[in-house]
Structures are given as C-alpha cells and as structure tokens.
Amino acid sequence: MLTEALNRLLGTGLIERRYRAEASPRVDYALTSLGRSFADGPMRALATWVTDHGDELFEAQELHLSTEAQNLDDVRRLPTTTGPDRGHG
C-alpha cells in the first residue's frame, strides 16, 4: 500500500527518491519543487477550508450517520414473509 502510494507520487513528479549508499543502504523520499508548490498552494488552501468548515463537515457526517441508522432500523421493522405461503391465498 505504501509502496503503491509512493510510486504514484513518483509518477506525478511530486516526490523524488534518493538512494543512500551508506553502511546500511537506504532510500529517502523528498518533495520536488512541484510537490512543494502543491503543498504550499492547493493543499494549504484545502487545509484552511477544512479548518474553517470542519464543524459543518462533522455535523453533516453525524446527521448522515444518524439518518442511515434510522433507515436501517426502519427496514428491520418491516414485516417479512417466509415459507411457501406468502399470503397468496
């Protein structure tokens, strides 16, 4: 999962991979200039928007979850018919 995400980010040019030939070889990842511009631009704007509207988002999620739970309870209360005679006679 992490490897797939890193490969996608490498493919978009947002990050770069650096091999370190040390006593124990390792790989480091860093933002490219494109990645930094993305973090400083759209991602910062999104973070600001979420900060400004986070309470509204949370309330909407809570309302949705409670509505879904109510709908599930309503479905569970519906009468069911089982067996060969389903009221056709």
N, C-alpha and C. Protein backbone atom coordinates (compact mmCIF):
# COMPACT_ATOMS: atom_id res chain seq x y z
N MET A 1 0.82 -1.18 0.00
CA MET A 1 0.00 0.00 0.00
C MET A 1 0.88 1.26 0.00
N LEU A 2 1.82 1.33 0.91
CA LEU A 2 2.73 2.48 0.95
C LEU A 2 3.55 2.54 -0.33
N THR A 3 4.03 1.39 -0.77
CA THR A 3 4.84 1.34 -1.99
C THR A 3 4.04 1.84 -3.18
N GLU A 4 2.77 1.45 -3.27
CA GLU A 4 1.92 1.91 -4.37
C GLU A 4 1.74 3.43 -4.32
N ALA A 5 1.49 3.96 -3.12
CA ALA A 5 1.31 5.41 -2.98
C ALA A 5 2.58 6.15 -3.37
N LEU A 6 3.72 5.66 -2.91
CA LEU A 6 5.00 6.29 -3.26
C LEU A 6 5.24 6.25 -4.77
N ASN A 7 4.93 5.13 -5.38
CA ASN A 7 5.11 5.02 -6.84
C ASN A 7 4.20 5.98 -7.59
N ARG A 8 2.96 6.14 -7.12
CA ARG A 8 2.06 7.09 -7.77
C ARG A 8 2.59 8.52 -7.62
N LEU A 9 3.08 8.87 -6.44
CA LEU A 9 3.63 10.21 -6.22
C LEU A 9 4.89 10.43 -7.06
N LEU A 10 5.72 9.39 -7.17
CA LEU A 10 6.91 9.49 -8.04
C LEU A 10 6.48 9.73 -9.48
N GLY A 11 5.46 9.01 -9.90
CA GLY A 11 4.97 9.12 -11.28
C GLY A 11 4.39 10.49 -11.62
N THR A 12 3.89 11.18 -10.60
CA THR A 12 3.33 12.51 -10.85
C THR A 12 4.38 13.60 -10.75
N GLY A 13 5.57 13.25 -10.28
CA GLY A 13 6.62 14.24 -10.14
C GLY A 13 6.53 15.04 -8.86
N LEU A 14 5.67 14.62 -7.92
CA LEU A 14 5.53 15.36 -6.66
C LEU A 14 6.63 15.02 -5.66
N ILE A 15 7.21 13.83 -5.79
CA ILE A 15 8.31 13.44 -4.90
C ILE A 15 9.44 12.86 -5.73
N GLU A 16 10.61 12.79 -5.11
CA GLU A 16 11.76 12.13 -5.74
C GLU A 16 12.35 11.13 -4.75
N ARG A 17 12.99 10.13 -5.30
CA ARG A 17 13.61 9.09 -4.48
C ARG A 17 15.12 9.26 -4.56
N ARG A 18 15.76 9.17 -3.40
CA ARG A 18 17.22 9.27 -3.35
C ARG A 18 17.78 8.01 -2.68
N TYR A 19 18.70 7.37 -3.38
CA TYR A 19 19.37 6.19 -2.82
C TYR A 19 20.57 6.65 -2.02
N ARG A 20 20.72 6.12 -0.84
CA ARG A 20 21.86 6.46 0.03
C ARG A 20 22.76 5.23 0.14
N ALA A 21 23.95 5.31 -0.41
CA ALA A 21 24.90 4.20 -0.33
C ALA A 21 25.73 4.37 0.94
N GLU A 22 25.16 3.94 2.02
CA GLU A 22 25.83 4.04 3.31
C GLU A 22 26.10 2.64 3.83
N ALA A 23 26.59 2.54 5.07
CA ALA A 23 26.87 1.23 5.66
C ALA A 23 25.62 0.34 5.58
N SER A 24 24.49 0.93 5.86
CA SER A 24 23.25 0.19 5.60
C SER A 24 22.46 1.01 4.58
N PRO A 25 22.45 0.55 3.33
CA PRO A 25 21.81 1.32 2.25
C PRO A 25 20.36 1.65 2.58
N ARG A 26 19.93 2.83 2.17
CA ARG A 26 18.55 3.22 2.40
C ARG A 26 18.07 4.11 1.27
N VAL A 27 16.78 4.33 1.26
CA VAL A 27 16.15 5.19 0.26
C VAL A 27 15.41 6.29 1.00
N ASP A 28 15.61 7.51 0.56
CA ASP A 28 14.89 8.65 1.12
C ASP A 28 13.96 9.21 0.05
N TYR A 29 12.86 9.76 0.49
CA TYR A 29 11.92 10.43 -0.41
C TYR A 29 11.81 11.89 0.02
N ALA A 30 11.68 12.77 -0.95
CA ALA A 30 11.54 14.20 -0.66
C ALA A 30 10.61 14.83 -1.69
N LEU A 31 9.98 15.92 -1.28
CA LEU A 31 9.14 16.67 -2.22
C LEU A 31 10.02 17.31 -3.28
N THR A 32 9.54 17.31 -4.50
CA THR A 32 10.19 18.06 -5.57
C THR A 32 9.70 19.51 -5.49
N SER A 33 10.20 20.37 -6.33
CA SER A 33 9.70 21.75 -6.35
C SER A 33 8.22 21.76 -6.72
N LEU A 34 7.82 20.86 -7.61
CA LEU A 34 6.40 20.73 -7.96
C LEU A 34 5.59 20.29 -6.73
N GLY A 35 6.12 19.33 -5.99
CA GLY A 35 5.45 18.86 -4.79
C GLY A 35 5.34 19.95 -3.73
N ARG A 36 6.38 20.73 -3.58
CA ARG A 36 6.34 21.84 -2.62
C ARG A 36 5.30 22.88 -3.04
N SER A 37 5.22 23.15 -4.34
CA SER A 37 4.24 24.13 -4.80
C SER A 37 2.82 23.60 -4.58
N PHE A 38 2.63 22.31 -4.72
CA PHE A 38 1.32 21.69 -4.46
C PHE A 38 0.98 21.78 -2.97
N ALA A 39 1.97 21.50 -2.11
CA ALA A 39 1.73 21.56 -0.66
C ALA A 39 1.48 23.01 -0.22
N ASP A 40 2.19 23.95 -0.79
CA ASP A 40 2.05 25.35 -0.39
C ASP A 40 0.83 26.02 -1.02
N GLY A 41 0.33 25.48 -2.11
CA GLY A 41 -0.80 26.08 -2.81
C GLY A 41 -2.11 25.40 -2.48
N PRO A 42 -2.53 24.45 -3.31
CA PRO A 42 -3.84 23.83 -3.13
C PRO A 42 -4.01 23.10 -1.80
N MET A 43 -2.99 22.43 -1.33
CA MET A 43 -3.13 21.69 -0.07
C MET A 43 -3.27 22.64 1.11
N ARG A 44 -2.55 23.73 1.10
CA ARG A 44 -2.68 24.72 2.18
C ARG A 44 -4.07 25.34 2.14
N ALA A 45 -4.57 25.64 0.93
CA ALA A 45 -5.91 26.20 0.79
C ALA A 45 -6.96 25.20 1.29
N LEU A 46 -6.78 23.93 0.97
CA LEU A 46 -7.71 22.91 1.44
C LEU A 46 -7.67 22.80 2.96
N ALA A 47 -6.49 22.85 3.55
CA ALA A 47 -6.36 22.78 5.00
C ALA A 47 -7.05 23.96 5.66
N THR A 48 -6.92 25.13 5.08
CA THR A 48 -7.59 26.32 5.60
C THR A 48 -9.11 26.16 5.51
N TRP A 49 -9.58 25.67 4.38
CA TRP A 49 -11.02 25.46 4.19
C TRP A 49 -11.55 24.46 5.21
N VAL A 50 -10.83 23.35 5.42
CA VAL A 50 -11.27 22.35 6.40
C VAL A 50 -11.28 22.94 7.81
N THR A 51 -10.28 23.74 8.13
CA THR A 51 -10.26 24.40 9.44
C THR A 51 -11.47 25.32 9.59
N ASP A 52 -11.79 26.06 8.54
CA ASP A 52 -12.92 26.99 8.59
C ASP A 52 -14.27 26.29 8.62
N HIS A 53 -14.36 25.13 7.99
CA HIS A 53 -15.66 24.45 7.83
C HIS A 53 -15.73 23.08 8.50
N GLY A 54 -14.73 22.75 9.30
CA GLY A 54 -14.67 21.42 9.92
C GLY A 54 -15.88 21.09 10.76
N ASP A 55 -16.37 22.04 11.54
CA ASP A 55 -17.55 21.77 12.37
C ASP A 55 -18.76 21.44 11.51
N GLU A 56 -18.93 22.16 10.41
CA GLU A 56 -20.04 21.89 9.49
C GLU A 56 -19.91 20.50 8.87
N LEU A 57 -18.69 20.13 8.49
CA LEU A 57 -18.46 18.80 7.93
C LEU A 57 -18.80 17.72 8.94
N PHE A 58 -18.35 17.91 10.17
CA PHE A 58 -18.61 16.93 11.22
C PHE A 58 -20.11 16.80 11.46
N GLU A 59 -20.81 17.92 11.54
CA GLU A 59 -22.26 17.89 11.77
C GLU A 59 -22.98 17.18 10.62
N ALA A 60 -22.56 17.44 9.39
CA ALA A 60 -23.17 16.78 8.24
C ALA A 60 -22.94 15.28 8.28
N GLN A 61 -21.74 14.87 8.66
CA GLN A 61 -21.44 13.43 8.77
C GLN A 61 -22.28 12.79 9.86
N GLU A 62 -22.40 13.46 11.00
CA GLU A 62 -23.20 12.92 12.10
C GLU A 62 -24.66 12.80 11.69
N LEU A 63 -25.19 13.81 11.00
CA LEU A 63 -26.58 13.75 10.53
C LEU A 63 -26.76 12.60 9.55
N HIS A 64 -25.83 12.44 8.65
CA HIS A 64 -25.90 11.35 7.67
C HIS A 64 -25.89 9.99 8.37
N LEU A 65 -24.97 9.83 9.32
CA LEU A 65 -24.87 8.55 10.02
C LEU A 65 -26.13 8.26 10.83
N SER A 66 -26.70 9.26 11.48
CA SER A 66 -27.90 9.02 12.26
C SER A 66 -29.09 8.72 11.35
N THR A 67 -29.15 9.38 10.18
CA THR A 67 -30.21 9.10 9.22
C THR A 67 -30.08 7.69 8.67
N GLU A 68 -28.85 7.29 8.36
CA GLU A 68 -28.62 5.92 7.87
C GLU A 68 -29.02 4.90 8.93
N ALA A 69 -28.68 5.16 10.18
CA ALA A 69 -29.04 4.25 11.27
C ALA A 69 -30.55 4.15 11.41
N GLN A 70 -31.25 5.30 11.31
CA GLN A 70 -32.71 5.30 11.40
C GLN A 70 -33.32 4.52 10.25
N ASN A 71 -32.78 4.71 9.04
CA ASN A 71 -33.29 3.97 7.88
C ASN A 71 -33.09 2.47 8.07
N LEU A 72 -31.96 2.07 8.61
CA LEU A 72 -31.70 0.66 8.86
C LEU A 72 -32.68 0.11 9.88
N ASP A 73 -32.94 0.87 10.94
CA ASP A 73 -33.93 0.43 11.93
C ASP A 73 -35.30 0.30 11.31
N ASP A 74 -35.68 1.23 10.43
CA ASP A 74 -36.98 1.17 9.75
C ASP A 74 -37.08 -0.08 8.89
N VAL A 75 -36.02 -0.42 8.19
CA VAL A 75 -36.01 -1.61 7.34
C VAL A 75 -36.15 -2.87 8.19
N ARG A 76 -35.48 -2.89 9.32
CA ARG A 76 -35.56 -4.07 10.21
C ARG A 76 -36.95 -4.27 10.76
N ARG A 77 -37.74 -3.21 10.88
CA ARG A 77 -39.09 -3.32 11.42
C ARG A 77 -40.12 -3.72 10.38
N LEU A 78 -39.74 -3.75 9.11
CA LEU A 78 -40.69 -4.13 8.06
C LEU A 78 -41.11 -5.58 8.26
N PRO A 79 -42.39 -5.87 8.02
CA PRO A 79 -42.82 -7.27 8.14
C PRO A 79 -42.17 -8.11 7.04
N THR A 80 -41.84 -9.31 7.40
CA THR A 80 -41.25 -10.22 6.42
C THR A 80 -42.17 -11.41 6.25
N THR A 81 -42.13 -11.99 5.08
CA THR A 81 -42.89 -13.21 4.83
C THR A 81 -41.90 -14.30 4.50
N THR A 82 -42.12 -15.43 5.11
CA THR A 82 -41.24 -16.56 4.85
C THR A 82 -42.08 -17.78 4.60
N GLY A 83 -41.47 -18.75 4.04
CA GLY A 83 -42.16 -20.02 3.81
C GLY A 83 -42.91 -20.03 2.50
N PRO A 84 -43.55 -21.18 2.19
CA PRO A 84 -44.21 -21.34 0.90
C PRO A 84 -45.46 -20.46 0.77
N ASP A 85 -46.19 -20.21 1.83
CA ASP A 85 -47.41 -19.41 1.73
C ASP A 85 -47.05 -17.97 2.06
N ARG A 86 -47.05 -17.15 1.05
CA ARG A 86 -46.70 -15.74 1.24
C ARG A 86 -47.92 -14.83 1.13
N GLY A 87 -49.03 -15.33 1.67
CA GLY A 87 -50.23 -14.52 1.69
C GLY A 87 -50.99 -14.51 0.38
N HIS A 88 -50.77 -15.52 -0.48
CA HIS A 88 -51.45 -15.57 -1.77
C HIS A 88 -52.65 -16.49 -1.71
N GLY A 89 -53.42 -16.43 -0.74
CA GLY A 89 -54.46 -17.41 -0.83
C GLY A 89 -55.56 -17.22 -0.02
